[in-house]
Amino acid sequence: MYVCVCNAVTDREIRQCAALGVESLDDLRESLGVGSCCGQCAPVAASILSEGARPARDRLPQAA
């Protein structure tokens, strides 16, 4: 589904960025342009990003 209509960014693209290690909306804005025009997509994009980033963080080895 399109999350950012202004820049034609989909939820799949946001999840791919999260899988690659993007964790902040600022980084997502820099890489995909999300939230850089009207800003209406920013809350949904941040939510999708946090959902995608959480599993990636869970896979990191735990410090002993």
N, C-alpha and C. Protein backbone atom coordinates (compact mmCIF):
# COMPACT_ATOMS: atom_id res chain seq x y z
N MET A 1 0.85 -1.17 0.00
CA MET A 1 0.00 0.00 0.00
C MET A 1 0.90 1.24 0.00
N TYR A 2 0.43 2.28 -0.67
CA TYR A 2 1.17 3.54 -0.66
C TYR A 2 1.00 4.21 0.69
N VAL A 3 2.11 4.55 1.29
CA VAL A 3 2.11 5.27 2.56
C VAL A 3 2.32 6.76 2.29
N CYS A 4 3.29 7.07 1.44
CA CYS A 4 3.59 8.45 1.06
C CYS A 4 3.19 8.63 -0.41
N VAL A 5 2.08 9.30 -0.61
CA VAL A 5 1.58 9.53 -1.97
C VAL A 5 2.46 10.56 -2.68
N CYS A 6 2.95 11.54 -1.96
CA CYS A 6 3.77 12.59 -2.57
C CYS A 6 5.01 12.02 -3.26
N ASN A 7 5.62 11.00 -2.63
CA ASN A 7 6.86 10.43 -3.15
C ASN A 7 6.70 8.97 -3.59
N ALA A 8 5.46 8.50 -3.67
CA ALA A 8 5.15 7.15 -4.13
C ALA A 8 5.95 6.09 -3.37
N VAL A 9 5.92 6.16 -2.04
CA VAL A 9 6.63 5.20 -1.19
C VAL A 9 5.62 4.23 -0.59
N THR A 10 5.94 2.95 -0.68
CA THR A 10 5.04 1.92 -0.18
C THR A 10 5.49 1.40 1.19
N ASP A 11 4.58 0.69 1.84
CA ASP A 11 4.92 0.06 3.12
C ASP A 11 6.02 -0.98 2.94
N ARG A 12 6.04 -1.65 1.81
CA ARG A 12 7.07 -2.65 1.53
C ARG A 12 8.46 -1.99 1.50
N GLU A 13 8.56 -0.82 0.88
CA GLU A 13 9.84 -0.12 0.82
C GLU A 13 10.31 0.30 2.22
N ILE A 14 9.37 0.72 3.04
CA ILE A 14 9.71 1.12 4.41
C ILE A 14 10.19 -0.09 5.20
N ARG A 15 9.51 -1.23 5.04
CA ARG A 15 9.94 -2.45 5.72
C ARG A 15 11.32 -2.91 5.24
N GLN A 16 11.59 -2.75 3.96
CA GLN A 16 12.91 -3.10 3.43
C GLN A 16 14.00 -2.23 4.06
N CYS A 17 13.72 -0.95 4.21
CA CYS A 17 14.68 -0.05 4.85
C CYS A 17 14.91 -0.47 6.31
N ALA A 18 13.83 -0.83 7.00
CA ALA A 18 13.96 -1.29 8.39
C ALA A 18 14.83 -2.53 8.46
N ALA A 19 14.64 -3.45 7.53
CA ALA A 19 15.44 -4.68 7.49
C ALA A 19 16.92 -4.38 7.24
N LEU A 20 17.18 -3.28 6.56
CA LEU A 20 18.56 -2.89 6.27
C LEU A 20 19.18 -2.05 7.39
N GLY A 21 18.40 -1.80 8.45
CA GLY A 21 18.95 -1.11 9.61
C GLY A 21 18.50 0.32 9.84
N VAL A 22 17.64 0.85 8.97
CA VAL A 22 17.12 2.20 9.18
C VAL A 22 16.19 2.16 10.39
N GLU A 23 16.44 3.05 11.36
CA GLU A 23 15.65 3.03 12.59
C GLU A 23 14.95 4.34 12.90
N SER A 24 15.27 5.42 12.19
CA SER A 24 14.65 6.70 12.51
C SER A 24 13.90 7.26 11.30
N LEU A 25 12.92 8.07 11.61
CA LEU A 25 12.14 8.72 10.56
C LEU A 25 13.03 9.68 9.76
N ASP A 26 14.00 10.30 10.42
CA ASP A 26 14.93 11.19 9.70
C ASP A 26 15.73 10.42 8.66
N ASP A 27 16.22 9.24 9.04
CA ASP A 27 16.96 8.41 8.08
C ASP A 27 16.06 7.95 6.94
N LEU A 28 14.82 7.60 7.28
CA LEU A 28 13.86 7.17 6.27
C LEU A 28 13.54 8.33 5.32
N ARG A 29 13.43 9.52 5.86
CA ARG A 29 13.17 10.71 5.05
C ARG A 29 14.34 10.95 4.09
N GLU A 30 15.55 10.77 4.59
CA GLU A 30 16.73 10.97 3.76
C GLU A 30 16.83 9.93 2.64
N SER A 31 16.49 8.69 2.94
CA SER A 31 16.65 7.63 1.94
C SER A 31 15.48 7.52 0.97
N LEU A 32 14.24 7.74 1.44
CA LEU A 32 13.07 7.56 0.58
C LEU A 32 12.27 8.83 0.32
N GLY A 33 12.52 9.87 1.10
CA GLY A 33 11.76 11.10 0.94
C GLY A 33 10.44 11.12 1.70
N VAL A 34 10.22 10.12 2.53
CA VAL A 34 8.97 10.03 3.30
C VAL A 34 8.84 11.23 4.23
N GLY A 35 7.70 11.87 4.20
CA GLY A 35 7.43 12.99 5.09
C GLY A 35 8.11 14.28 4.70
N SER A 36 8.69 14.35 3.52
CA SER A 36 9.42 15.56 3.14
C SER A 36 8.58 16.58 2.39
N CYS A 37 7.36 16.22 2.04
CA CYS A 37 6.48 17.17 1.34
C CYS A 37 5.39 17.66 2.29
N CYS A 38 4.26 17.02 2.28
CA CYS A 38 3.15 17.49 3.12
C CYS A 38 3.23 16.98 4.55
N GLY A 39 3.93 15.84 4.77
CA GLY A 39 4.11 15.31 6.12
C GLY A 39 2.98 14.46 6.65
N GLN A 40 1.90 14.30 5.91
CA GLN A 40 0.77 13.53 6.39
C GLN A 40 1.09 12.06 6.61
N CYS A 41 2.10 11.55 5.93
CA CYS A 41 2.46 10.14 6.01
C CYS A 41 3.38 9.83 7.19
N ALA A 42 3.98 10.81 7.79
CA ALA A 42 5.01 10.59 8.80
C ALA A 42 4.57 9.68 9.95
N PRO A 43 3.40 9.87 10.55
CA PRO A 43 3.02 8.98 11.67
C PRO A 43 2.88 7.51 11.24
N VAL A 44 2.28 7.27 10.09
CA VAL A 44 2.11 5.89 9.62
C VAL A 44 3.46 5.30 9.23
N ALA A 45 4.29 6.09 8.56
CA ALA A 45 5.62 5.62 8.17
C ALA A 45 6.44 5.27 9.41
N ALA A 46 6.38 6.09 10.44
CA ALA A 46 7.12 5.82 11.68
C ALA A 46 6.63 4.54 12.34
N SER A 47 5.34 4.32 12.30
CA SER A 47 4.77 3.10 12.87
C SER A 47 5.24 1.86 12.13
N ILE A 48 5.19 1.91 10.81
CA ILE A 48 5.65 0.78 9.99
C ILE A 48 7.15 0.56 10.21
N LEU A 49 7.91 1.63 10.28
CA LEU A 49 9.34 1.52 10.50
C LEU A 49 9.63 0.86 11.84
N SER A 50 8.94 1.25 12.89
CA SER A 50 9.19 0.67 14.21
C SER A 50 8.78 -0.80 14.26
N GLU A 51 7.72 -1.17 13.57
CA GLU A 51 7.32 -2.59 13.50
C GLU A 51 8.39 -3.41 12.79
N GLY A 52 8.95 -2.85 11.73
CA GLY A 52 9.97 -3.56 10.96
C GLY A 52 11.31 -3.59 11.65
N ALA A 53 11.64 -2.57 12.40
CA ALA A 53 12.94 -2.48 13.07
C ALA A 53 12.99 -3.38 14.30
N ARG A 54 11.86 -3.61 14.94
CA ARG A 54 11.83 -4.40 16.17
C ARG A 54 12.35 -5.82 15.95
N PRO A 55 11.88 -6.56 14.95
CA PRO A 55 12.41 -7.91 14.74
C PRO A 55 13.90 -7.92 14.42
N ALA A 56 14.37 -6.92 13.71
CA ALA A 56 15.79 -6.85 13.38
C ALA A 56 16.62 -6.68 14.65
N ARG A 57 16.15 -5.88 15.58
CA ARG A 57 16.86 -5.69 16.84
C ARG A 57 16.83 -6.95 17.69
N ASP A 58 15.73 -7.70 17.61
CA ASP A 58 15.60 -8.93 18.39
C ASP A 58 16.58 -10.00 17.93
N ARG A 59 17.04 -9.93 16.67
CA ARG A 59 17.96 -10.93 16.14
C ARG A 59 19.42 -10.65 16.51
N LEU A 60 19.70 -9.48 17.06
CA LEU A 60 21.07 -9.14 17.42
C LEU A 60 21.53 -10.02 18.57
N PRO A 61 22.81 -10.45 18.56
CA PRO A 61 23.31 -11.26 19.66
C PRO A 61 23.30 -10.46 20.97
N GLN A 62 22.99 -11.13 22.03
CA GLN A 62 22.93 -10.48 23.33
C GLN A 62 24.32 -10.46 23.95
N ALA A 63 24.66 -9.36 24.61
CA ALA A 63 25.96 -9.24 25.28
C ALA A 63 25.99 -10.17 26.49
N ALA A 64 27.13 -10.74 26.72
CA ALA A 64 27.27 -11.69 27.84
C ALA A 64 27.52 -10.98 29.15
